Amino acid sequence: MKLFTSLIIFLMQRFLKEEDRVALRTQHRQEKNRRVADRITAVLLSDKGWSSSNC
């Protein structure tokens, strides 16, 4: 099952453009509100193929 999950993640296409990822990473570093920073982290991880079931 783990191999199947890994294969699905590998085949998933990213939905953010590189410039969007860079902008989000920059905003994440500068964000003082941790709640907003956590949401940015969730978007970036989702773009990499992570989901709440991976945690």
N, C-alpha and C. Protein backbone atom coordinates (compact mmCIF):
# COMPACT_ATOMS: atom_id res chain seq x y z
N MET A 1 0.82 -1.20 0.00
CA MET A 1 0.00 0.00 0.00
C MET A 1 0.87 1.27 0.00
N LYS A 2 1.96 1.22 0.76
CA LYS A 2 2.84 2.40 0.82
C LYS A 2 3.45 2.69 -0.55
N LEU A 3 3.83 1.64 -1.29
CA LEU A 3 4.38 1.84 -2.63
C LEU A 3 3.33 2.48 -3.54
N PHE A 4 2.10 2.01 -3.44
CA PHE A 4 1.01 2.57 -4.25
C PHE A 4 0.81 4.04 -3.93
N THR A 5 0.81 4.39 -2.66
CA THR A 5 0.65 5.78 -2.24
C THR A 5 1.80 6.63 -2.76
N SER A 6 3.01 6.09 -2.68
CA SER A 6 4.18 6.82 -3.18
C SER A 6 4.08 7.05 -4.68
N LEU A 7 3.58 6.05 -5.40
CA LEU A 7 3.43 6.18 -6.84
C LEU A 7 2.40 7.25 -7.19
N ILE A 8 1.31 7.28 -6.46
CA ILE A 8 0.28 8.29 -6.71
C ILE A 8 0.85 9.69 -6.47
N ILE A 9 1.59 9.85 -5.38
CA ILE A 9 2.19 11.15 -5.07
C ILE A 9 3.17 11.54 -6.17
N PHE A 10 3.95 10.58 -6.66
CA PHE A 10 4.91 10.85 -7.72
C PHE A 10 4.21 11.32 -8.99
N LEU A 11 3.06 10.75 -9.28
CA LEU A 11 2.35 11.07 -10.51
C LEU A 11 1.53 12.35 -10.42
N MET A 12 1.30 12.82 -9.21
CA MET A 12 0.50 14.04 -9.05
C MET A 12 1.26 15.24 -9.59
N GLN A 13 0.54 16.08 -10.28
CA GLN A 13 1.16 17.28 -10.83
C GLN A 13 1.02 18.43 -9.84
N ARG A 14 2.05 19.21 -9.70
CA ARG A 14 1.99 20.37 -8.82
C ARG A 14 1.04 21.40 -9.41
N PHE A 15 0.34 22.11 -8.52
CA PHE A 15 -0.63 23.09 -9.00
C PHE A 15 -0.14 24.52 -8.87
N LEU A 16 0.98 24.73 -8.16
CA LEU A 16 1.54 26.07 -8.04
C LEU A 16 2.69 26.26 -9.02
N LYS A 17 2.78 27.44 -9.57
CA LYS A 17 3.93 27.77 -10.41
C LYS A 17 5.11 28.05 -9.49
N GLU A 18 6.30 27.95 -10.03
CA GLU A 18 7.52 28.17 -9.24
C GLU A 18 7.51 29.57 -8.62
N GLU A 19 7.09 30.56 -9.36
CA GLU A 19 7.07 31.93 -8.83
C GLU A 19 6.07 32.05 -7.66
N ASP A 20 4.98 31.29 -7.72
CA ASP A 20 4.01 31.30 -6.61
C ASP A 20 4.60 30.63 -5.37
N ARG A 21 5.33 29.52 -5.58
CA ARG A 21 5.98 28.85 -4.45
C ARG A 21 6.99 29.76 -3.78
N VAL A 22 7.78 30.48 -4.58
CA VAL A 22 8.78 31.40 -4.03
C VAL A 22 8.10 32.51 -3.24
N ALA A 23 7.02 33.05 -3.80
CA ALA A 23 6.29 34.13 -3.11
C ALA A 23 5.70 33.63 -1.79
N LEU A 24 5.15 32.43 -1.79
CA LEU A 24 4.58 31.88 -0.56
C LEU A 24 5.66 31.61 0.49
N ARG A 25 6.81 31.08 0.06
CA ARG A 25 7.90 30.85 1.01
C ARG A 25 8.38 32.17 1.62
N THR A 26 8.47 33.20 0.80
CA THR A 26 8.88 34.51 1.30
C THR A 26 7.86 35.06 2.29
N GLN A 27 6.60 34.95 1.92
CA GLN A 27 5.54 35.43 2.82
C GLN A 27 5.55 34.63 4.12
N HIS A 28 5.79 33.32 4.02
CA HIS A 28 5.83 32.47 5.22
C HIS A 28 6.92 32.93 6.18
N ARG A 29 8.09 33.22 5.66
CA ARG A 29 9.20 33.67 6.51
C ARG A 29 8.92 35.01 7.17
N GLN A 30 8.20 35.87 6.49
CA GLN A 30 7.94 37.22 7.01
C GLN A 30 6.68 37.30 7.86
N GLU A 31 5.85 36.27 7.81
CA GLU A 31 4.55 36.31 8.49
C GLU A 31 4.71 36.25 10.00
N LYS A 32 4.11 37.19 10.68
CA LYS A 32 4.17 37.22 12.14
C LYS A 32 3.02 36.42 12.77
N ASN A 33 1.91 36.33 12.06
CA ASN A 33 0.76 35.58 12.54
C ASN A 33 1.00 34.09 12.25
N ARG A 34 1.22 33.30 13.29
CA ARG A 34 1.56 31.89 13.11
C ARG A 34 0.43 31.09 12.47
N ARG A 35 -0.80 31.52 12.71
CA ARG A 35 -1.94 30.82 12.10
C ARG A 35 -1.89 30.95 10.58
N VAL A 36 -1.59 32.13 10.10
CA VAL A 36 -1.47 32.37 8.66
C VAL A 36 -0.26 31.60 8.11
N ALA A 37 0.85 31.62 8.84
CA ALA A 37 2.05 30.89 8.41
C ALA A 37 1.77 29.39 8.30
N ASP A 38 1.00 28.85 9.24
CA ASP A 38 0.65 27.43 9.19
C ASP A 38 -0.22 27.11 7.97
N ARG A 39 -1.08 28.03 7.62
CA ARG A 39 -1.92 27.80 6.43
C ARG A 39 -1.08 27.84 5.15
N ILE A 40 -0.10 28.73 5.12
CA ILE A 40 0.81 28.78 3.97
C ILE A 40 1.58 27.46 3.88
N THR A 41 2.03 26.95 5.02
CA THR A 41 2.72 25.67 5.05
C THR A 41 1.83 24.56 4.50
N ALA A 42 0.56 24.57 4.87
CA ALA A 42 -0.37 23.56 4.39
C ALA A 42 -0.52 23.62 2.86
N VAL A 43 -0.57 24.81 2.31
CA VAL A 43 -0.68 24.96 0.86
C VAL A 43 0.58 24.45 0.17
N LEU A 44 1.74 24.80 0.72
CA LEU A 44 3.00 24.35 0.11
C LEU A 44 3.14 22.83 0.19
N LEU A 45 2.76 22.23 1.30
CA LEU A 45 2.83 20.78 1.43
C LEU A 45 1.82 20.10 0.52
N SER A 46 0.65 20.67 0.39
CA SER A 46 -0.36 20.13 -0.52
C SER A 46 0.15 20.15 -1.95
N ASP A 47 0.86 21.21 -2.31
CA ASP A 47 1.45 21.33 -3.64
C ASP A 47 2.47 20.21 -3.89
N LYS A 48 3.14 19.77 -2.82
CA LYS A 48 4.11 18.69 -2.95
C LYS A 48 3.46 17.31 -2.96
N GLY A 49 2.15 17.27 -2.75
CA GLY A 49 1.45 15.99 -2.78
C GLY A 49 1.07 15.46 -1.41
N TRP A 50 1.39 16.18 -0.37
CA TRP A 50 1.04 15.75 0.98
C TRP A 50 -0.45 15.96 1.22
N SER A 51 -0.99 15.19 2.14
CA SER A 51 -2.36 15.39 2.60
C SER A 51 -2.39 15.14 4.09
N SER A 52 -3.52 15.37 4.70
CA SER A 52 -3.62 15.17 6.15
C SER A 52 -3.43 13.70 6.52
N SER A 53 -3.66 12.79 5.59
CA SER A 53 -3.46 11.36 5.87
C SER A 53 -1.98 11.00 5.92
N ASN A 54 -1.09 11.86 5.42
CA ASN A 54 0.35 11.61 5.48
C ASN A 54 0.93 11.89 6.85
N CYS A 55 0.21 12.60 7.68
CA CYS A 55 0.73 12.99 8.99
C CYS A 55 0.54 11.90 10.02
